[in-house]
Protein backbone atom coordinates (compact mmCIF):
# COMPACT_ATOMS: atom_id res chain seq x y z
CA MET A 1 199.51 206.05 -49.15
CA GLY A 2 196.11 205.42 -49.29
CA TRP A 3 194.02 202.20 -47.02
CA LYS A 4 194.17 199.15 -48.69
CA LEU A 5 193.01 195.48 -47.29
CA SER A 6 195.95 192.71 -47.24
CA ARG A 7 196.25 190.76 -49.97
CA PHE A 8 195.88 187.61 -47.56
CA ARG A 9 192.84 185.79 -46.29
CA VAL A 10 192.36 183.95 -43.58
CA GLY A 11 194.07 180.53 -44.21
CA ASP A 12 196.66 181.38 -46.29
CA LEU A 13 200.03 179.81 -45.95
CA VAL A 14 202.68 182.96 -45.61
CA GLU A 15 206.37 182.53 -45.03
CA VAL A 16 207.97 185.56 -43.21
CA ARG A 17 210.45 187.49 -45.86
CA SER A 18 214.63 187.38 -44.79
CA LYS A 19 215.80 190.10 -42.84
CA ALA A 20 217.37 192.14 -45.74
CA GLU A 21 214.09 191.97 -47.41
CA ILE A 22 212.23 193.31 -44.11
CA LEU A 23 214.71 195.88 -43.12
CA ALA A 24 214.48 197.58 -46.70
CA THR A 25 210.91 198.40 -46.45
CA LEU A 26 211.58 200.26 -43.14
CA ASP A 27 212.36 203.62 -42.59
CA ALA A 28 214.78 205.34 -40.21
CA ASN A 29 212.13 205.15 -37.11
CA GLY A 30 212.18 201.14 -38.45
CA ARG A 31 208.73 201.90 -39.00
CA LEU A 32 206.56 200.72 -42.42
CA ASP A 33 203.65 203.37 -42.75
CA GLY A 34 203.73 204.02 -38.98
CA MET A 35 203.89 200.78 -37.89
CA PRO A 36 207.27 199.75 -35.89
CA LEU A 37 208.80 196.75 -36.44
CA MET A 38 209.95 194.62 -33.82
CA PRO A 39 213.07 192.93 -32.75
CA GLU A 40 211.28 190.05 -31.61
CA MET A 41 209.75 189.60 -35.46
CA LEU A 42 213.06 188.84 -37.24
CA ALA A 43 213.64 185.56 -35.24
CA LEU A 44 210.58 184.43 -37.29
CA CYS A 45 212.09 184.94 -40.74
CA GLY A 46 211.63 181.85 -43.18
CA ARG A 47 208.97 180.37 -40.89
CA GLN A 48 206.24 179.66 -42.44
CA PHE A 49 202.52 180.34 -40.80
CA ARG A 50 198.80 180.01 -41.26
CA VAL A 51 196.78 183.84 -41.33
CA ARG A 52 194.88 183.66 -38.35
CA ALA A 53 193.03 187.04 -39.28
CA VAL A 54 193.07 189.89 -41.87
CA ALA A 55 193.76 193.36 -39.15
CA HIS A 56 191.73 195.67 -41.42
CA LYS A 57 190.76 197.08 -37.76
CA THR A 58 191.87 196.83 -34.38
CA CYS A 59 191.25 198.27 -30.67
CA ASP A 60 192.64 201.21 -29.33
CA THR A 61 194.00 199.83 -25.64
CA ALA A 62 197.18 202.08 -26.27
CA LYS A 63 195.33 205.33 -25.41
CA GLN A 64 192.65 202.95 -23.55
CA SER A 65 190.01 204.84 -25.39
CA TRP A 66 188.93 200.97 -26.23
CA THR A 67 187.34 202.21 -29.71
CA GLY A 68 187.92 200.42 -33.49
CA ARG A 69 190.84 201.78 -35.51
CA ARG A 70 191.56 201.33 -38.88
CA LEU A 71 194.71 200.00 -40.56
CA SER A 72 195.59 198.88 -44.02
CA ALA A 73 197.20 195.64 -45.46
CA SER A 74 197.96 193.87 -42.48
CA VAL A 75 197.31 190.53 -40.87
CA HIS A 76 197.89 188.26 -37.45
CA LEU A 77 199.67 184.81 -37.83
CA GLU A 78 198.50 182.04 -36.04
CA GLY A 79 200.93 180.89 -33.43
CA ALA A 80 203.25 184.55 -33.63
CA PHE A 81 202.92 186.23 -30.85
CA CYS A 82 205.65 188.76 -29.00
CA ASP A 83 207.89 186.70 -26.63
CA GLY A 84 208.77 189.92 -24.80
CA SER A 85 212.51 188.93 -25.10
CA ALA A 86 213.47 192.54 -26.70
CA HIS A 87 211.26 194.22 -24.07
CA GLY A 88 212.17 193.02 -20.87
CA GLY A 89 210.45 189.68 -20.49
CA CYS A 90 207.02 191.08 -21.14
CA GLN A 91 204.74 188.32 -20.77
CA ALA A 92 201.49 189.56 -22.59
CA GLU A 93 202.18 187.48 -25.34
CA CYS A 94 200.58 190.21 -27.76
CA ALA A 95 199.53 189.44 -31.73
CA LEU A 96 202.05 190.59 -33.59
CA PHE A 97 200.65 192.88 -36.54
CA TRP A 98 202.52 192.02 -40.10
CA LYS A 99 202.51 194.22 -43.11
CA ASP A 100 201.72 192.43 -46.18
CA ALA A 101 205.49 193.75 -47.40
CA TRP A 102 206.84 191.55 -44.88
CA LEU A 103 205.18 188.57 -45.96
CA LYS A 104 205.16 186.53 -49.09
CA ARG A 105 203.05 183.18 -50.03
CA ALA A 106 204.17 180.05 -49.25
CA GLY A 107 206.84 178.82 -52.26
CA GLU A 108 206.92 182.96 -53.64
CA SER A 109 210.57 183.75 -54.91
CA ALA A 110 212.37 186.08 -52.66
CA ALA A 111 212.32 189.74 -53.92
CA ALA A 112 215.37 191.70 -54.18
CA PRO A 113 215.70 194.22 -51.49
CA ALA A 114 214.48 197.58 -53.36
CA ALA A 115 216.77 199.78 -51.24
CA PRO A 116 219.64 199.80 -49.07
CA GLU A 117 218.88 199.41 -45.21
CA ALA A 118 217.73 202.42 -43.46
CA CYS A 119 217.31 201.00 -40.01
CA SER A 120 219.66 198.08 -39.26
CA GLU A 121 218.89 195.23 -36.25
CA ALA A 122 220.80 196.98 -34.04
CA GLU A 123 218.69 200.50 -34.13
CA LEU A 124 215.48 198.68 -33.81
CA GLN A 125 216.51 197.24 -30.76
CA ARG A 126 217.93 200.58 -29.28
CA ARG A 127 214.28 201.78 -30.19
CA THR A 128 212.64 199.20 -28.17
CA ARG A 129 213.29 201.86 -25.07
CA ARG A 130 212.66 205.19 -24.72
CA VAL A 131 214.44 207.58 -21.60
CA GLY A 132 213.41 210.74 -20.78
CA GLU A 133 216.01 213.46 -19.19
CA ARG A 134 213.47 214.28 -16.28
CA ASP A 135 212.25 210.85 -15.96
CA PRO A 136 215.35 208.24 -15.95
CA GLU A 137 212.60 205.23 -15.78
CA VAL A 138 212.70 203.21 -18.79
CA ARG A 139 209.62 203.17 -21.39
CA TYR A 140 209.26 200.23 -23.51
CA VAL A 141 208.08 201.03 -27.49
CA CYS A 142 206.30 198.25 -29.24
CA GLN A 143 203.47 198.07 -31.27
CA ALA A 144 200.84 197.80 -28.58
CA THR A 145 202.28 201.18 -27.19
CA GLU A 146 202.08 202.78 -30.55
CA LEU A 147 199.24 201.49 -32.14
CA VAL A 148 197.72 204.71 -32.75
CA ASP A 149 200.84 206.17 -35.00
CA PHE A 150 199.75 203.20 -37.38
CA THR A 151 196.04 203.43 -37.15
CA GLU A 152 192.95 205.56 -37.90
CA PRO A 153 189.40 206.08 -36.21
CA LEU A 154 186.98 203.69 -37.49
CA TYR A 155 183.30 204.62 -36.51
CA GLU A 156 181.34 201.54 -35.33
CA TRP A 157 178.43 201.51 -37.35
CA ASP A 158 180.84 202.01 -40.84
CA ALA A 159 178.80 198.95 -42.41
CA ARG A 160 182.18 198.55 -44.58
CA GLN A 161 184.13 197.04 -41.38
CA TYR A 162 181.22 194.37 -41.41
CA TRP A 163 181.74 193.39 -45.39
CA TYR A 164 185.40 193.07 -44.48
CA ASP A 165 185.23 190.87 -41.63
CA ILE A 166 183.16 188.46 -44.23
CA ARG A 167 185.23 188.89 -47.28
CA THR A 168 188.55 188.29 -45.55
CA GLY A 169 187.38 185.26 -43.50
CA ASN A 170 187.32 186.82 -40.29
CA ARG A 171 183.93 185.96 -39.47
CA SER A 172 181.42 183.89 -40.83
CA ALA A 173 178.01 185.68 -42.02
CA SER A 174 176.00 184.10 -39.46
CA THR A 175 178.37 185.15 -36.59
CA VAL A 176 178.48 188.86 -37.97
CA LEU A 177 174.82 189.04 -38.11
CA ARG A 178 174.18 187.56 -34.99
CA VAL A 179 176.85 190.01 -33.32
CA LEU A 180 175.13 193.11 -35.08
CA VAL A 181 171.51 191.87 -34.16
CA LEU A 182 172.31 191.41 -30.87
CA ALA A 183 174.41 194.89 -30.56
CA TRP A 184 171.77 196.82 -32.22
CA LEU A 185 169.37 195.43 -29.82
CA ARG A 186 171.51 196.30 -26.56
CA TRP A 187 171.53 200.11 -27.94
CA LEU A 188 167.73 200.23 -28.40
CA LEU A 189 167.24 199.11 -25.17
CA PRO A 190 167.77 202.48 -23.19
CA ARG A 191 166.19 204.11 -26.11
CA VAL A 192 162.88 203.12 -26.30
CA PRO A 193 160.14 205.26 -25.30
CA PHE A 194 157.86 202.21 -24.04
CA GLY A 195 157.87 198.57 -24.15
CA TYR A 196 161.49 198.32 -22.33
CA ARG A 197 160.33 195.08 -20.60
CA PHE A 198 159.02 193.44 -23.90
CA PHE A 199 162.23 194.47 -25.88
CA ALA A 200 164.46 193.42 -23.30
CA TRP A 201 162.73 189.94 -23.09
CA ILE A 202 163.42 189.56 -27.22
CA HIS A 203 167.08 190.53 -26.45
CA GLU A 204 167.27 187.48 -23.80
CA ARG A 205 165.62 184.94 -25.90
CA ALA A 206 167.82 186.06 -29.00
CA HIS A 207 170.71 185.90 -26.79
CA ILE A 208 169.82 182.22 -25.56
CA ALA A 209 168.66 181.19 -28.56
CA TRP A 210 171.71 182.46 -30.66
CA THR A 211 174.64 181.88 -27.67
CA GLY A 212 173.33 179.12 -25.64
CA ARG A 213 173.51 181.10 -22.49
CA PRO A 214 172.35 184.78 -20.85
CA SER A 215 173.48 187.77 -21.79
CA PRO A 216 176.28 188.92 -19.86
CA TYR A 217 175.85 191.27 -16.77
CA PHE A 218 177.43 193.35 -13.96
CA GLU A 219 176.55 192.93 -10.49
CA PRO A 220 179.59 193.76 -7.93
CA GLY A 221 179.33 191.91 -4.98
CA ILE A 222 181.79 193.52 -2.50
CA PRO A 223 180.74 196.80 -1.31
CA ALA A 224 183.00 200.04 -2.19
CA GLY A 225 185.70 200.60 0.13
CA GLN A 226 185.95 197.30 1.35
CA ARG A 227 188.94 194.64 0.15
CA THR A 228 188.27 192.23 -2.67
CA PRO A 229 189.34 188.35 -1.22
CA SER A 230 192.18 186.79 -2.26
CA GLY A 231 192.51 182.78 -3.41
CA VAL A 232 195.86 180.77 -4.25
CA LEU A 233 196.17 177.36 -6.03
CA ASP A 234 199.72 177.73 -7.09
CA LEU A 235 199.05 176.80 -10.54
CA GLN A 236 201.17 175.42 -12.70
CA PRO A 237 200.90 175.14 -16.70
CA GLY A 238 199.09 172.65 -18.24
CA GLU A 239 196.84 172.30 -15.26
CA LEU A 240 193.19 171.80 -16.20
CA VAL A 241 191.17 174.10 -14.46
CA ARG A 242 187.08 175.11 -14.28
CA ILE A 243 186.58 179.00 -14.55
CA LYS A 244 183.72 179.63 -12.45
CA SER A 245 180.22 180.78 -12.66
CA GLN A 246 179.70 184.50 -13.32
CA PRO A 247 177.39 184.71 -9.77
CA GLU A 248 180.72 182.91 -7.85
CA ILE A 249 182.97 185.60 -9.73
CA GLN A 250 180.89 188.47 -8.85
CA GLN A 251 180.72 187.92 -5.65
CA THR A 252 184.94 188.50 -6.01
CA ILE A 253 184.77 191.89 -7.05
CA ASP A 254 184.08 195.18 -6.09
CA PRO A 255 181.91 198.41 -7.92
CA ARG A 256 184.90 199.01 -10.49
CA GLY A 257 184.63 195.82 -11.75
CA ARG A 258 187.86 194.43 -9.87
CA ASN A 259 189.60 192.19 -7.82
CA ARG A 260 192.44 192.98 -6.27
CA GLY A 261 193.06 195.56 -9.18
CA LEU A 262 192.44 193.23 -12.20
CA SER A 263 189.46 194.09 -14.10
CA PHE A 264 186.85 191.46 -15.00
CA ASP A 265 185.15 192.03 -18.09
CA PRO A 266 181.59 191.05 -17.86
CA GLN A 267 181.03 191.44 -21.66
CA GLU A 268 184.25 189.37 -23.06
CA MET A 269 185.37 186.95 -19.89
CA ALA A 270 181.75 186.04 -18.54
CA PRO A 271 181.20 183.72 -21.77
CA HIS A 272 183.99 182.20 -21.15
CA CYS A 273 182.29 181.08 -17.67
CA ASN A 274 181.91 177.32 -16.53
CA ARG A 275 184.39 176.04 -19.14
CA VAL A 276 186.97 173.85 -18.30
CA VAL A 277 190.64 174.68 -19.79
CA THR A 278 194.10 174.33 -19.36
CA VAL A 279 196.65 176.62 -17.53
CA ARG A 280 198.85 178.18 -20.53
CA LYS A 281 201.41 180.17 -18.42
CA LEU A 282 201.33 182.24 -15.20
CA VAL A 283 201.86 186.27 -15.60
CA THR A 284 204.38 188.66 -13.44
CA ARG A 285 205.09 191.27 -15.63
CA ILE A 286 203.82 193.19 -18.49
CA ILE A 287 204.02 196.70 -20.38
CA ASP A 288 201.50 199.20 -19.31
CA GLU A 289 200.33 199.89 -22.89
CA PRO A 290 199.75 203.79 -22.10
CA THR A 291 203.06 204.76 -20.58
CA GLY A 292 205.21 202.08 -21.50
CA ARG A 293 206.15 201.18 -17.96
CA MET A 294 206.97 197.46 -16.97
CA LEU A 295 204.54 196.54 -14.34
CA GLU A 296 205.50 193.59 -11.42
CA LEU A 297 202.45 192.24 -10.46
CA LYS A 298 201.88 191.91 -6.99
CA GLN A 299 199.69 188.69 -7.69
CA PRO A 300 200.18 186.36 -10.66
CA CYS A 301 197.37 186.45 -13.07
CA VAL A 302 196.63 183.07 -15.12
CA MET A 303 196.77 182.99 -18.81
CA LEU A 304 194.38 180.22 -20.14
CA ASP A 305 194.68 178.14 -23.19
CA GLY A 306 192.10 179.33 -25.80
CA VAL A 307 190.33 181.75 -23.61
CA PHE A 308 190.84 185.51 -25.64
CA CYS A 309 188.83 188.55 -26.62
CA ARG A 310 186.40 187.89 -29.07
CA SER A 311 184.91 191.26 -29.05
CA GLU A 312 181.25 190.55 -29.83
CA TYR A 313 179.86 192.48 -27.01
CA ALA A 314 181.99 195.43 -26.67
CA ASN A 315 179.74 198.32 -29.06
CA ARG A 316 182.73 200.37 -30.25
CA ARG A 317 184.92 197.33 -31.54
CA LEU A 318 182.75 194.64 -32.66
CA ASN A 319 184.53 191.65 -34.16
CA CYS A 320 188.05 193.35 -33.13
CA PRO A 321 190.49 190.33 -34.70
CA ARG A 322 193.25 191.19 -32.41
CA ALA A 323 192.00 188.02 -29.95
CA ILE A 324 193.88 189.77 -26.60
CA PRO A 325 193.96 186.93 -24.21
CA SER A 326 192.14 187.55 -21.05
CA TYR A 327 193.86 187.66 -17.19
CA TRP A 328 192.27 185.55 -14.31
CA ARG A 329 192.75 185.59 -10.78
CA GLU A 330 192.90 182.27 -9.17
CA ILE A 331 189.90 182.63 -7.08
CA TRP A 332 188.14 182.80 -10.18
CA LEU A 333 189.46 179.15 -10.97
CA GLU A 334 189.09 175.74 -9.61
CA ARG A 335 191.60 172.64 -10.07
CA VAL A 336 190.01 169.96 -11.75
CA GLY A 337 191.33 166.52 -12.78
CA GLY A 338 190.85 164.25 -15.68
CA GLU A 339 188.37 166.08 -17.61
CA ARG A 340 189.36 167.90 -20.82
CA ASP A 341 187.77 171.31 -22.16
CA PRO A 342 185.90 170.44 -25.55
CA ASP A 343 186.97 173.35 -26.88
CA ARG A 344 190.25 173.14 -26.43
CA GLY A 345 192.27 173.21 -29.58
CA GLU A 346 191.20 176.93 -30.37
CA THR A 347 193.82 179.36 -31.75
CA ARG A 348 193.81 182.49 -31.66
């Protein structure tokens, strides 16, 4: 089957088809076009959601090449995340990928299953885990770990993807133009034979004019070999916190950009600095996507409401619609009271 764009658009109201309808689309491995259906998704059958983004592309976190990947006839739904109930209680809240065949427009009549079920719900549950003969440790299988299987490489300068960003409603034309112009300036800077300072000045002026803040940068504050500091606030879901400024955060990370093993991505996390946001949850266990192993975190990470990767700076995956939530150390935050985040209510 060749590639095709989803028939849905951002904002469309859709309904998740019945279990019988969805199971009838799967092969014996519980997949459609290589994409696994996760048991957590069956719990959403019959419910209605808005399309948050058309997943015509995504980013490779499974092999950690951090490059763009193309996929066919798929969307992300607003408020539909994996709750980890079939995957050892993983708390990552990954955005689920939905094939068009698993959805219908709200009010559309149900379709009779085209064929007998090739994969049962019990088989889907069984396929969430993989145990090898030589390695008895459980390896989890989900859409995130198998992402390369149902996607294709996507070249960053393939202009069609940016047209699809606009056509699907994922991004406005002005946003796509801004992201591309700033990306082109970043690409150009190290390659100009002369006038570097002039082009750097143009890039910085353009960035401030379009975003209202300086461009992200990386300057570690902890020397190599020195242990990074730790901070404990004992935060709880629902509390208001202020994300510290980038200079303050830089003083807690090492030359690898990490604090106690957790990365601070200046490209996608720095734009959130100085915001007042709400604590969504504390994360203590997540699946390591490259290996499928369950990781038990020595220190809990903080997930914040409305704070996620926008993919506006990482050149190899510009405008990725996956909206992966960022993880924050408590030392990067400070508790506040009586304030509200002006961006509160933003969804992913």
